[in-house]
Each structure stands twice: as structure tokens, then as C-alpha cells.
PDB file of all heavy atoms in Angstrom:
ATOM      1  N   SER A   1       0.777  -1.240   0.018  1.00  0.00           N
ATOM      2  CA  SER A   1      -0.033  -0.007  -0.014  1.00  0.00           C
ATOM      3  C   SER A   1       0.917   1.280   0.040  1.00  0.00           C
ATOM      4  O   SER A   1       0.606   2.211  -0.706  1.00  0.00           O
ATOM      5  CB  SER A   1      -0.924  -0.019   1.232  1.00  0.00           C
ATOM      6  OG  SER A   1      -1.718   1.215   1.291  1.00  0.00           O
ATOM      7  N   THR A   2       1.916   1.182   0.768  1.00  0.00           N
ATOM      8  CA  THR A   2       2.854   2.358   0.903  1.00  0.00           C
ATOM      9  C   THR A   2       3.581   2.596  -0.461  1.00  0.00           C
ATOM     10  O   THR A   2       3.644   3.694  -1.033  1.00  0.00           O
ATOM     11  CB  THR A   2       3.913   2.142   1.914  1.00  0.00           C
ATOM     12  OG1 THR A   2       3.322   1.923   3.164  1.00  0.00           O
ATOM     13  CG2 THR A   2       4.921   3.282   2.001  1.00  0.00           C
ATOM     14  N   ILE A   3       3.914   1.429  -1.139  1.00  0.00           N
ATOM     15  CA  ILE A   3       4.615   1.589  -2.476  1.00  0.00           C
ATOM     16  C   ILE A   3       3.641   2.163  -3.460  1.00  0.00           C
ATOM     17  O   ILE A   3       3.967   2.978  -4.326  1.00  0.00           O
ATOM     18  CB  ILE A   3       5.106   0.261  -2.911  1.00  0.00           C
ATOM     19  CG1 ILE A   3       6.252  -0.200  -2.047  1.00  0.00           C
ATOM     20  CG2 ILE A   3       5.579   0.277  -4.352  1.00  0.00           C
ATOM     21  CD1 ILE A   3       6.728  -1.609  -2.146  1.00  0.00           C
ATOM     22  N   SER A   4       2.405   1.657  -3.444  1.00  0.00           N
ATOM     23  CA  SER A   4       1.419   2.184  -4.428  1.00  0.00           C
ATOM     24  C   SER A   4       1.205   3.664  -4.183  1.00  0.00           C
ATOM     25  O   SER A   4       1.078   4.475  -5.201  1.00  0.00           O
ATOM     26  CB  SER A   4       0.051   1.389  -4.147  1.00  0.00           C
ATOM     27  OG  SER A   4       0.244   0.099  -4.458  1.00  0.00           O
ATOM     28  N   GLN A   5       1.141   4.194  -2.953  1.00  0.00           N
ATOM     29  CA  GLN A   5       0.931   5.582  -2.705  1.00  0.00           C
ATOM     30  C   GLN A   5       2.125   6.402  -3.249  1.00  0.00           C
ATOM     31  O   GLN A   5       1.948   7.477  -3.918  1.00  0.00           O
ATOM     32  CB  GLN A   5       0.710   5.908  -1.164  1.00  0.00           C
ATOM     33  CG  GLN A   5      -0.526   5.240  -0.618  1.00  0.00           C
ATOM     34  CD  GLN A   5      -0.561   5.480   0.860  1.00  0.00           C
ATOM     35  OE1 GLN A   5       0.342   6.046   1.446  1.00  0.00           O
ATOM     36  NE2 GLN A   5      -1.595   4.885   1.509  1.00  0.00           N
ATOM     37  N   ILE A   6       3.306   5.884  -3.048  1.00  0.00           N
ATOM     38  CA  ILE A   6       4.531   6.622  -3.511  1.00  0.00           C
ATOM     39  C   ILE A   6       4.562   6.580  -5.058  1.00  0.00           C
ATOM     40  O   ILE A   6       4.798   7.695  -5.598  1.00  0.00           O
ATOM     41  CB  ILE A   6       5.796   5.847  -2.977  1.00  0.00           C
ATOM     42  CG1 ILE A   6       5.900   6.047  -1.466  1.00  0.00           C
ATOM     43  CG2 ILE A   6       7.015   6.472  -3.657  1.00  0.00           C
ATOM     44  CD1 ILE A   6       6.984   5.266  -0.831  1.00  0.00           C
ATOM     45  N   THR A   7       4.286   5.501  -5.695  1.00  0.00           N
ATOM     46  CA  THR A   7       4.320   5.531  -7.133  1.00  0.00           C
ATOM     47  C   THR A   7       3.166   6.321  -7.829  1.00  0.00           C
ATOM     48  O   THR A   7       3.363   6.868  -8.855  1.00  0.00           O
ATOM     49  CB  THR A   7       4.295   4.088  -7.664  1.00  0.00           C
ATOM     50  OG1 THR A   7       3.152   3.323  -7.075  1.00  0.00           O
ATOM     51  CG2 THR A   7       5.575   3.332  -7.338  1.00  0.00           C
ATOM     52  N   ARG A   8       2.098   6.360  -7.144  1.00  0.00           N
ATOM     53  CA  ARG A   8       0.936   7.228  -7.705  1.00  0.00           C
ATOM     54  C   ARG A   8       1.366   8.686  -7.670  1.00  0.00           C
ATOM     55  O   ARG A   8       1.164   9.368  -8.562  1.00  0.00           O
ATOM     56  CB  ARG A   8      -0.347   7.001  -6.810  1.00  0.00           C
ATOM     57  CG  ARG A   8      -1.121   5.821  -7.250  1.00  0.00           C
ATOM     58  CD  ARG A   8      -2.571   5.856  -6.723  1.00  0.00           C
ATOM     59  NE  ARG A   8      -2.605   5.904  -5.226  1.00  0.00           N
ATOM     60  CZ  ARG A   8      -2.701   4.841  -4.593  1.00  0.00           C
ATOM     61  NH1 ARG A   8      -2.813   3.612  -5.110  1.00  0.00           N
ATOM     62  NH2 ARG A   8      -2.773   4.892  -3.136  1.00  0.00           N
ATOM     63  N   VAL A   9       1.979   9.106  -6.516  1.00  0.00           N
ATOM     64  CA  VAL A   9       2.431  10.528  -6.469  1.00  0.00           C
ATOM     65  C   VAL A   9       3.542  10.719  -7.424  1.00  0.00           C
ATOM     66  O   VAL A   9       3.530  11.770  -8.086  1.00  0.00           O
ATOM     67  CB  VAL A   9       2.891  10.807  -5.026  1.00  0.00           C
ATOM     68  CG1 VAL A   9       3.649  12.181  -4.980  1.00  0.00           C
ATOM     69  CG2 VAL A   9       1.861  10.702  -4.033  1.00  0.00           C
ATOM     70  N   LEU A  10       4.444   9.745  -7.577  1.00  0.00           N
ATOM     71  CA  LEU A  10       5.481   9.896  -8.628  1.00  0.00           C
ATOM     72  C   LEU A  10       4.978   9.951  -9.991  1.00  0.00           C
ATOM     73  O   LEU A  10       5.395  10.756 -10.826  1.00  0.00           O
ATOM     74  CB  LEU A  10       6.498   8.674  -8.433  1.00  0.00           C
ATOM     75  CG  LEU A  10       7.816   8.783  -9.119  1.00  0.00           C
ATOM     76  CD1 LEU A  10       8.631  10.063  -8.664  1.00  0.00           C
ATOM     77  CD2 LEU A  10       8.724   7.502  -8.824  1.00  0.00           C
ATOM     78  N   SER A  11       3.956   9.143 -10.298  1.00  0.00           N
ATOM     79  CA  SER A  11       3.405   9.128 -11.624  1.00  0.00           C
ATOM     80  C   SER A  11       2.759  10.486 -11.928  1.00  0.00           C
ATOM     81  O   SER A  11       2.876  11.076 -12.989  1.00  0.00           O
ATOM     82  CB  SER A  11       2.326   8.025 -11.745  1.00  0.00           C
ATOM     83  OG  SER A  11       2.957   6.710 -11.715  1.00  0.00           O
ATOM     84  N   ALA A  12       1.994  10.969 -10.996  1.00  0.00           N
ATOM     85  CA  ALA A  12       1.359  12.237 -11.123  1.00  0.00           C
ATOM     86  C   ALA A  12       2.318  13.392 -11.372  1.00  0.00           C
ATOM     87  O   ALA A  12       2.139  14.276 -12.195  1.00  0.00           O
ATOM     88  CB  ALA A  12       0.392  12.516  -9.912  1.00  0.00           C
ATOM     89  N   ALA A  13       3.358  13.354 -10.585  1.00  0.00           N
ATOM     90  CA  ALA A  13       4.405  14.473 -10.635  1.00  0.00           C
ATOM     91  C   ALA A  13       5.197  14.385 -12.016  1.00  0.00           C
ATOM     92  O   ALA A  13       5.249  15.374 -12.680  1.00  0.00           O
ATOM     93  CB  ALA A  13       5.430  14.332  -9.510  1.00  0.00           C
ATOM     94  N   LEU A  14       5.619  13.175 -12.368  1.00  0.00           N
ATOM     95  CA  LEU A  14       6.362  13.052 -13.660  1.00  0.00           C
ATOM     96  C   LEU A  14       5.398  13.312 -14.830  1.00  0.00           C
ATOM     97  O   LEU A  14       5.811  13.909 -15.864  1.00  0.00           O
ATOM     98  CB  LEU A  14       6.977  11.673 -13.774  1.00  0.00           C
ATOM     99  CG  LEU A  14       8.192  11.426 -12.739  1.00  0.00           C
ATOM    100  CD1 LEU A  14       8.641  10.022 -12.933  1.00  0.00           C
ATOM    101  CD2 LEU A  14       9.275  12.421 -13.027  1.00  0.00           C
ATOM    102  N   GLY A  15       4.197  12.747 -14.739  1.00  0.00           N
ATOM    103  CA  GLY A  15       3.265  13.017 -15.824  1.00  0.00           C
ATOM    104  C   GLY A  15       2.875  14.482 -15.952  1.00  0.00           C
ATOM    105  O   GLY A  15       2.788  14.947 -17.164  1.00  0.00           O
ATOM    106  N   GLY A  16       2.809  15.251 -14.888  1.00  0.00           N
ATOM    107  CA  GLY A  16       2.572  16.676 -14.926  1.00  0.00           C
ATOM    108  C   GLY A  16       3.666  17.428 -15.549  1.00  0.00           C
ATOM    109  O   GLY A  16       3.476  18.340 -16.352  1.00  0.00           O
ATOM    110  N   ILE A  17       4.914  16.991 -15.211  1.00  0.00           N
ATOM    111  CA  ILE A  17       6.098  17.587 -15.835  1.00  0.00           C
ATOM    112  C   ILE A  17       6.101  17.354 -17.320  1.00  0.00           C
ATOM    113  O   ILE A  17       6.334  18.323 -18.111  1.00  0.00           O
ATOM    114  CB  ILE A  17       7.456  17.068 -15.251  1.00  0.00           C
ATOM    115  CG1 ILE A  17       7.553  17.519 -13.728  1.00  0.00           C
ATOM    116  CG2 ILE A  17       8.613  17.522 -15.974  1.00  0.00           C
ATOM    117  CD1 ILE A  17       8.641  16.841 -13.017  1.00  0.00           C
ATOM    118  N   ALA A  18       5.736  16.179 -17.735  1.00  0.00           N
ATOM    119  CA  ALA A  18       5.765  15.877 -19.144  1.00  0.00           C
ATOM    120  C   ALA A  18       4.605  16.541 -19.825  1.00  0.00           C
ATOM    121  O   ALA A  18       4.683  17.004 -21.042  1.00  0.00           O
ATOM    122  CB  ALA A  18       5.589  14.345 -19.367  1.00  0.00           C
ATOM    123  N   ALA A  19       3.469  16.833 -19.119  1.00  0.00           N
ATOM    124  CA  ALA A  19       2.329  17.432 -19.724  1.00  0.00           C
ATOM    125  C   ALA A  19       2.660  18.916 -20.055  1.00  0.00           C
ATOM    126  O   ALA A  19       1.937  19.516 -20.982  1.00  0.00           O
ATOM    127  CB  ALA A  19       1.155  17.405 -18.734  1.00  0.00           C
ATOM    128  N   ILE A  20       3.701  19.517 -19.418  1.00  0.00           N
ATOM    129  CA  ILE A  20       4.054  20.897 -19.738  1.00  0.00           C
ATOM    130  C   ILE A  20       4.472  20.970 -21.275  1.00  0.00           C
ATOM    131  O   ILE A  20       4.112  21.946 -21.969  1.00  0.00           O
ATOM    132  CB  ILE A  20       5.225  21.317 -18.866  1.00  0.00           C
ATOM    133  CG1 ILE A  20       4.803  21.433 -17.407  1.00  0.00           C
ATOM    134  CG2 ILE A  20       5.815  22.675 -19.276  1.00  0.00           C
ATOM    135  CD1 ILE A  20       5.881  21.728 -16.425  1.00  0.00           C
ATOM    136  N   SER A  21       5.110  19.911 -21.730  1.00  0.00           N
ATOM    137  CA  SER A  21       5.464  19.957 -23.166  1.00  0.00           C
ATOM    138  C   SER A  21       4.295  19.845 -24.077  1.00  0.00           C
ATOM    139  O   SER A  21       4.235  20.380 -25.177  1.00  0.00           O
ATOM    140  CB  SER A  21       6.423  18.762 -23.527  1.00  0.00           C
ATOM    141  OG  SER A  21       5.884  17.534 -23.188  1.00  0.00           O
ATOM    142  N   LEU A  22       3.199  19.177 -23.572  1.00  0.00           N
ATOM    143  CA  LEU A  22       1.915  19.280 -24.339  1.00  0.00           C
ATOM    144  C   LEU A  22       1.377  20.654 -24.370  1.00  0.00           C
ATOM    145  O   LEU A  22       0.788  21.048 -25.452  1.00  0.00           O
ATOM    146  CB  LEU A  22       0.933  18.289 -23.641  1.00  0.00           C
ATOM    147  CG  LEU A  22       0.871  16.845 -24.204  1.00  0.00           C
ATOM    148  CD1 LEU A  22      -0.116  16.062 -23.324  1.00  0.00           C
ATOM    149  CD2 LEU A  22       0.413  16.888 -25.648  1.00  0.00           C
ATOM    150  N   ILE A  23       1.393  21.338 -23.240  1.00  0.00           N
ATOM    151  CA  ILE A  23       0.946  22.666 -23.195  1.00  0.00           C
ATOM    152  C   ILE A  23       1.783  23.644 -24.273  1.00  0.00           C
ATOM    153  O   ILE A  23       1.174  24.354 -24.998  1.00  0.00           O
ATOM    154  CB  ILE A  23       0.997  23.305 -21.802  1.00  0.00           C
ATOM    155  CG1 ILE A  23       0.058  22.508 -20.905  1.00  0.00           C
ATOM    156  CG2 ILE A  23       0.650  24.785 -21.833  1.00  0.00           C
ATOM    157  CD1 ILE A  23       0.122  22.897 -19.464  1.00  0.00           C
ATOM    158  N   VAL A  24       3.111  23.420 -24.213  1.00  0.00           N
ATOM    159  CA  VAL A  24       3.924  24.082 -25.156  1.00  0.00           C
ATOM    160  C   VAL A  24       3.495  23.771 -26.569  1.00  0.00           C
ATOM    161  O   VAL A  24       3.387  24.711 -27.428  1.00  0.00           O
ATOM    162  CB  VAL A  24       5.393  23.780 -24.912  1.00  0.00           C
ATOM    163  CG1 VAL A  24       6.323  24.361 -26.018  1.00  0.00           C
ATOM    164  CG2 VAL A  24       5.895  24.302 -23.552  1.00  0.00           C
ATOM    165  N   GLY A  25       3.307  22.498 -26.889  1.00  0.00           N
ATOM    166  CA  GLY A  25       2.829  22.079 -28.147  1.00  0.00           C
ATOM    167  C   GLY A  25       1.485  22.707 -28.528  1.00  0.00           C
ATOM    168  O   GLY A  25       1.259  23.110 -29.683  1.00  0.00           O
ATOM    169  N   GLY A  26       0.619  22.895 -27.488  1.00  0.00           N
ATOM    170  CA  GLY A  26      -0.739  23.511 -27.782  1.00  0.00           C
ATOM    171  C   GLY A  26      -0.509  24.992 -28.103  1.00  0.00           C
ATOM    172  O   GLY A  26      -1.300  25.515 -29.026  1.00  0.00           O
ATOM    173  N   ILE A  27       0.400  25.685 -27.503  1.00  0.00           N
ATOM    174  CA  ILE A  27       0.703  27.060 -27.866  1.00  0.00           C
ATOM    175  C   ILE A  27       1.201  27.111 -29.317  1.00  0.00           C
ATOM    176  O   ILE A  27       0.786  28.025 -30.095  1.00  0.00           O
ATOM    177  CB  ILE A  27       1.763  27.663 -26.899  1.00  0.00           C
ATOM    178  CG1 ILE A  27       1.161  27.739 -25.426  1.00  0.00           C
ATOM    179  CG2 ILE A  27       2.199  29.046 -27.275  1.00  0.00           C
ATOM    180  CD1 ILE A  27       2.169  28.115 -24.360  1.00  0.00           C
ATOM    181  N   GLY A  28       2.000  26.102 -29.711  1.00  0.00           N
ATOM    182  CA  GLY A  28       2.405  26.116 -31.137  1.00  0.00           C
ATOM    183  C   GLY A  28       1.216  25.913 -31.990  1.00  0.00           C
ATOM    184  O   GLY A  28       1.176  26.511 -33.127  1.00  0.00           O
ATOM    185  N   VAL A  29       0.317  25.049 -31.652  1.00  0.00           N
ATOM    186  CA  VAL A  29      -0.844  24.872 -32.479  1.00  0.00           C
ATOM    187  C   VAL A  29      -1.679  26.218 -32.658  1.00  0.00           C
ATOM    188  O   VAL A  29      -2.052  26.583 -33.738  1.00  0.00           O
ATOM    189  CB  VAL A  29      -1.852  23.781 -31.821  1.00  0.00           C
ATOM    190  CG1 VAL A  29      -3.283  23.770 -32.567  1.00  0.00           C
ATOM    191  CG2 VAL A  29      -1.284  22.464 -31.906  1.00  0.00           C
ATOM    192  N   MET A  30      -1.891  26.945 -31.492  1.00  0.00           N
ATOM    193  CA  MET A  30      -2.517  28.187 -31.587  1.00  0.00           C
ATOM    194  C   MET A  30      -1.835  29.232 -32.556  1.00  0.00           C
ATOM    195  O   MET A  30      -2.430  30.002 -33.309  1.00  0.00           O
ATOM    196  CB  MET A  30      -2.694  28.839 -30.194  1.00  0.00           C
ATOM    197  CG  MET A  30      -3.489  30.051 -30.118  1.00  0.00           C
ATOM    198  SD  MET A  30      -3.841  30.628 -28.407  1.00  0.00           S
ATOM    199  CE  MET A  30      -2.080  31.039 -27.879  1.00  0.00           C
ATOM    200  N   ASN A  31      -0.522  29.260 -32.329  1.00  0.00           N
ATOM    201  CA  ASN A  31       0.286  30.275 -33.124  1.00  0.00           C
ATOM    202  C   ASN A  31       0.204  29.931 -34.660  1.00  0.00           C
ATOM    203  O   ASN A  31      -0.047  30.813 -35.491  1.00  0.00           O
ATOM    204  CB  ASN A  31       1.752  30.232 -32.734  1.00  0.00           C
ATOM    205  CG  ASN A  31       2.027  30.779 -31.317  1.00  0.00           C
ATOM    206  OD1 ASN A  31       1.145  31.738 -30.857  1.00  0.00           O
ATOM    207  ND2 ASN A  31       3.112  30.456 -30.670  1.00  0.00           N
ATOM    208  N   ILE A  32       0.237  28.636 -34.964  1.00  0.00           N
ATOM    209  CA  ILE A  32       0.205  28.285 -36.387  1.00  0.00           C
ATOM    210  C   ILE A  32      -1.254  28.539 -36.920  1.00  0.00           C
ATOM    211  O   ILE A  32      -1.366  29.018 -38.102  1.00  0.00           O
ATOM    212  CB  ILE A  32       0.487  26.815 -36.525  1.00  0.00           C
ATOM    213  CG1 ILE A  32       2.010  26.551 -36.164  1.00  0.00           C
ATOM    214  CG2 ILE A  32       0.249  26.329 -37.997  1.00  0.00           C
ATOM    215  CD1 ILE A  32       2.985  27.295 -37.089  1.00  0.00           C
ATOM    216  N   MET A  33      -2.267  28.329 -36.174  1.00  0.00           N
ATOM    217  CA  MET A  33      -3.597  28.505 -36.618  1.00  0.00           C
ATOM    218  C   MET A  33      -3.856  30.020 -36.705  1.00  0.00           C
ATOM    219  O   MET A  33      -4.632  30.407 -37.683  1.00  0.00           O
ATOM    220  CB  MET A  33      -4.597  27.877 -35.549  1.00  0.00           C
ATOM    221  CG  MET A  33      -4.560  26.354 -35.471  1.00  0.00           C
ATOM    222  SD  MET A  33      -4.771  25.573 -37.033  1.00  0.00           S
ATOM    223  CE  MET A  33      -6.338  26.069 -37.558  1.00  0.00           C
ATOM    224  N   LEU A  34      -3.323  30.853 -35.856  1.00  0.00           N
ATOM    225  CA  LEU A  34      -3.436  32.297 -35.965  1.00  0.00           C
ATOM    226  C   LEU A  34      -2.778  32.788 -37.270  1.00  0.00           C
ATOM    227  O   LEU A  34      -3.333  33.648 -37.983  1.00  0.00           O
ATOM    228  CB  LEU A  34      -2.828  32.997 -34.769  1.00  0.00           C
ATOM    229  CG  LEU A  34      -3.704  32.910 -33.520  1.00  0.00           C
ATOM    230  CD1 LEU A  34      -2.897  33.475 -32.308  1.00  0.00           C
ATOM    231  CD2 LEU A  34      -5.010  33.612 -33.579  1.00  0.00           C
ATOM    232  N   VAL A  35      -1.594  32.310 -37.592  1.00  0.00           N
ATOM    233  CA  VAL A  35      -0.938  32.635 -38.837  1.00  0.00           C
ATOM    234  C   VAL A  35      -1.734  32.121 -39.972  1.00  0.00           C
ATOM    235  O   VAL A  35      -1.857  32.830 -41.007  1.00  0.00           O
ATOM    236  CB  VAL A  35       0.444  31.881 -38.914  1.00  0.00           C
ATOM    237  CG1 VAL A  35       1.096  32.041 -40.244  1.00  0.00           C
ATOM    238  CG2 VAL A  35       1.367  32.511 -37.861  1.00  0.00           C
ATOM    239  N   SER A  36      -2.348  30.907 -39.858  1.00  0.00           N
ATOM    240  CA  SER A  36      -3.197  30.451 -40.938  1.00  0.00           C
ATOM    241  C   SER A  36      -4.371  31.340 -41.178  1.00  0.00           C
ATOM    242  O   SER A  36      -4.809  31.567 -42.334  1.00  0.00           O
ATOM    243  CB  SER A  36      -3.660  29.035 -40.629  1.00  0.00           C
ATOM    244  OG  SER A  36      -4.510  28.465 -41.596  1.00  0.00           O
TER     245      SER A  36
END
């Protein structure tokens, strides 16, 4: 149970960090669409 709690927090933290690149990609989508 302790390990599951630790890995869930770790997954959320690392997933959140990786999701930042998705947001950056989304900004790229918006910029390209505005140019379009």
C-alpha cells in the first residue's frame, strides 16, 4: 500500500512535468492557426 501511494504520487508528478511539453505544443498549435 505504501509503495502504491509513492508510485501514484511519482506518476502524477512526472506526468505533470511531461504534460508541460503538451501545453507548449498547444501554444504552437494556436500560433500556427493564427498565422493560418
